[in-house]
Protein backbone atom coordinates (compact mmCIF):
# COMPACT_ATOMS: atom_id res chain seq x y z
CA UNK A 1 -62.46 52.80 12.73
CA UNK A 2 -63.09 49.12 13.99
CA UNK A 3 -63.75 46.50 11.47
CA UNK A 4 -67.09 44.90 12.47
CA UNK A 5 -67.65 42.95 9.33
CA UNK A 6 -65.70 42.14 6.14
CA UNK A 7 -66.08 39.88 3.24
CA UNK A 8 -63.39 37.39 2.09
CA UNK A 9 -62.27 39.85 -0.87
CA UNK A 10 -61.69 42.71 1.67
CA UNK A 11 -59.65 40.37 3.97
CA UNK A 12 -57.61 39.57 0.88
CA UNK A 13 -57.11 43.43 0.01
CA UNK A 14 -55.96 44.36 3.55
CA UNK A 15 -54.04 41.08 4.85
CA UNK A 16 -53.17 42.82 8.14
CA UNK A 17 -56.57 42.61 9.24
CA UNK A 18 -56.79 38.95 9.76
CA UNK A 19 -54.05 39.06 12.30
CA UNK A 20 -55.70 41.77 14.52
CA UNK A 21 -55.30 41.48 18.23
CA UNK A 22 -57.87 40.33 20.71
CA UNK A 23 -59.59 43.57 20.42
CA UNK A 24 -60.48 43.10 16.77
CA UNK A 25 -59.49 44.64 13.58
CA UNK A 26 -58.92 48.39 13.50
CA UNK A 27 -57.95 50.45 10.40
CA UNK A 28 -56.14 53.22 12.40
CA UNK A 29 -54.27 50.38 14.38
CA UNK A 30 -53.52 48.63 11.08
CA UNK A 31 -52.12 51.76 9.38
CA UNK A 32 -49.85 53.08 12.15
CA UNK A 33 -48.78 49.66 13.95
CA UNK A 34 -48.72 47.07 10.99
CA UNK A 35 -45.34 47.42 9.06
CA UNK A 36 -46.88 45.94 6.13
CA UNK A 37 -49.11 48.81 5.66
CA UNK A 38 -46.39 51.18 4.44
CA UNK A 39 -45.78 48.99 1.44
CA UNK A 40 -49.43 48.22 1.14
CA UNK A 41 -50.45 51.86 0.70
CA UNK A 42 -48.00 53.89 -1.61
CA UNK A 43 -49.69 57.12 -0.56
CA UNK A 44 -49.40 56.00 3.33
CA UNK A 45 -48.33 59.55 4.42
CA UNK A 46 -51.60 60.80 2.93
CA UNK A 47 -53.74 58.02 4.36
CA UNK A 48 -51.98 58.46 7.76
CA UNK A 49 -52.99 62.03 7.83
CA UNK A 50 -56.73 61.43 6.61
CA UNK A 51 -56.93 58.72 9.31
CA UNK A 52 -55.91 61.07 11.98
CA UNK A 53 -58.32 63.75 10.68
CA UNK A 54 -60.91 61.03 10.90
CA UNK A 55 -60.13 59.88 14.34
CA UNK A 56 -60.30 63.38 15.63
CA UNK A 57 -63.60 63.91 13.62
CA UNK A 58 -64.96 60.98 15.54
CA UNK A 59 -63.40 62.04 18.75
CA UNK A 60 -65.24 65.35 18.45
CA UNK A 61 -68.48 63.66 17.85
CA UNK A 62 -67.83 60.94 20.72
CA UNK A 63 -65.76 62.86 23.24
CA UNK A 64 -66.88 60.53 26.18
CA UNK A 65 -66.24 57.40 23.99
CA UNK A 66 -63.56 55.52 26.19
CA UNK A 67 -62.50 52.92 23.66
CA UNK A 68 -61.75 55.58 21.26
CA UNK A 69 -59.42 57.41 24.10
CA UNK A 70 -57.66 53.78 24.67
CA UNK A 71 -57.03 53.55 20.95
CA UNK A 72 -55.61 57.08 20.76
CA UNK A 73 -53.55 56.29 23.81
CA UNK A 74 -52.22 53.08 22.16
CA UNK A 75 -51.15 54.61 18.97
CA UNK A 76 -49.48 57.28 20.69
CA UNK A 77 -47.53 55.03 22.74
CA UNK A 78 -46.36 52.88 20.00
CA UNK A 79 -46.14 55.26 16.79
CA UNK A 80 -44.07 58.45 16.64
CA UNK A 81 -45.74 59.25 13.28
CA UNK A 82 -49.07 59.00 15.11
CA UNK A 83 -48.08 61.49 17.84
CA UNK A 84 -46.67 64.09 15.50
CA UNK A 85 -49.84 64.06 13.42
CA UNK A 86 -52.46 63.72 16.41
CA UNK A 87 -50.77 66.90 17.74
CA UNK A 88 -51.42 68.79 14.51
CA UNK A 89 -55.05 68.77 15.60
CA UNK A 90 -56.35 68.34 11.90
CA UNK A 91 -60.06 67.21 11.65
CA UNK A 92 -61.82 65.97 8.73
CA UNK A 93 -64.72 63.90 7.65
CA UNK A 94 -63.78 60.85 5.31
CA UNK A 95 -66.84 59.87 3.12
CA UNK A 96 -65.36 59.15 -0.26
CA UNK A 97 -62.31 59.11 -2.24
CA UNK A 98 -59.67 56.93 -3.73
CA UNK A 99 -57.22 54.65 -2.09
CA UNK A 100 -53.79 53.45 -3.91
CA UNK A 101 -52.77 49.85 -3.16
CA UNK A 102 -49.45 48.16 -3.76
CA UNK A 103 -50.58 44.72 -2.98
CA UNK A 104 -48.14 41.89 -2.71
CA UNK A 105 -50.04 39.38 -4.68
CA UNK A 106 -52.07 41.77 -7.00
CA UNK A 107 -49.68 44.39 -7.96
CA UNK A 108 -50.35 48.52 -7.87
CA UNK A 109 -53.80 49.51 -8.22
CA UNK A 110 -56.32 52.21 -7.04
CA UNK A 111 -60.09 51.67 -5.82
CA UNK A 112 -62.59 54.32 -5.18
CA UNK A 113 -64.33 54.10 -2.02
CA UNK A 114 -67.63 55.69 -0.45
CA UNK A 115 -68.44 55.51 3.06
CA UNK A 116 -72.12 55.19 3.77
CA UNK A 117 -73.93 56.13 7.06
CA UNK A 118 -76.24 53.30 8.42
CA UNK A 119 -79.76 54.94 9.47
CA UNK A 120 -80.51 53.70 13.00
CA UNK A 121 -76.83 52.61 13.83
CA UNK A 122 -75.24 55.73 15.14
CA UNK A 123 -71.51 55.53 14.54
CA UNK A 124 -71.52 52.58 12.35
CA UNK A 125 -70.86 53.10 8.38
CA UNK A 126 -70.54 50.70 5.50
CA UNK A 127 -67.54 51.34 3.26
CA UNK A 128 -68.01 50.19 -0.42
CA UNK A 129 -64.78 49.93 -2.62
CA UNK A 130 -65.19 49.76 -6.41
CA UNK A 131 -62.79 49.35 -9.13
CA UNK A 132 -61.77 52.59 -11.04
CA UNK A 133 -60.26 51.09 -14.24
CA UNK A 134 -59.26 47.60 -15.79
CA UNK A 135 -56.11 47.31 -13.85
CA UNK A 136 -57.91 47.40 -10.35
CA UNK A 137 -60.51 45.05 -11.72
CA UNK A 138 -58.04 42.63 -12.85
CA UNK A 139 -56.27 42.95 -9.51
CA UNK A 140 -59.68 42.16 -7.42
CA UNK A 141 -60.25 39.24 -9.69
CA UNK A 142 -56.93 37.93 -8.92
CA UNK A 143 -57.30 38.70 -4.93
CA UNK A 144 -61.01 37.08 -5.55
CA UNK A 145 -59.29 33.66 -6.60
CA UNK A 146 -56.46 33.79 -4.12
CA UNK A 147 -56.05 31.18 -1.30
CA UNK A 148 -56.21 34.46 1.21
CA UNK A 149 -59.67 35.29 0.08
CA UNK A 150 -60.80 31.92 1.38
CA UNK A 151 -59.47 31.45 4.90
CA UNK A 152 -60.41 28.21 6.54
CA UNK A 153 -62.81 29.94 8.83
CA UNK A 154 -65.79 31.36 7.44
CA UNK A 155 -63.91 33.80 5.05
CA UNK A 156 -65.29 36.62 7.11
CA UNK A 157 -64.95 38.81 10.20
CA UNK A 158 -68.07 39.47 12.38
CA UNK A 159 -68.29 40.90 15.50
CA UNK A 160 -71.38 42.67 17.53
CA UNK A 161 -71.33 46.40 18.00
CA UNK A 162 -68.69 49.12 17.75
CA UNK A 163 -65.75 49.54 19.81
CA UNK A 164 -63.63 52.32 19.07
CA UNK A 165 -65.26 54.24 16.28
CA UNK A 166 -66.72 53.66 12.74
CA UNK A 167 -66.32 50.30 10.97
CA UNK A 168 -64.38 50.24 7.64
CA UNK A 169 -64.42 47.82 4.83
């Protein structure tokens, strides 16, 4: 769930990604270790369960992928919720759905998402978010025009190759 690339709007949507540690931004790390994630995602409990299920799905497909093992160890050491959910051993693939947000600048809205596998790039995917209604569309327009959406640098995260599992955003 490493974020290999994200556009400026994605960075504005998930503000915690820009302050990621040296290993780079990771959605699972953001959900379980970033205190702001609980307020950003009103359905945090559901999202946490889905994230664990997807990490288990990835772990089953890439059993000898040491960065994924390091991520699980890190999250287990720092998040009691992660340890409890990981022990449940639920497995699920995450390909589409709706994600709710309670954004500090844009308010509460829902976005539909779809995860697209990239042919020829095993383990990498592209996640596309779309507005489900006028509320979401207005929220995205507000975020697109916010100063956070245009950081001083390039406005996007770009790294080479996967590290812990699949990219998101």
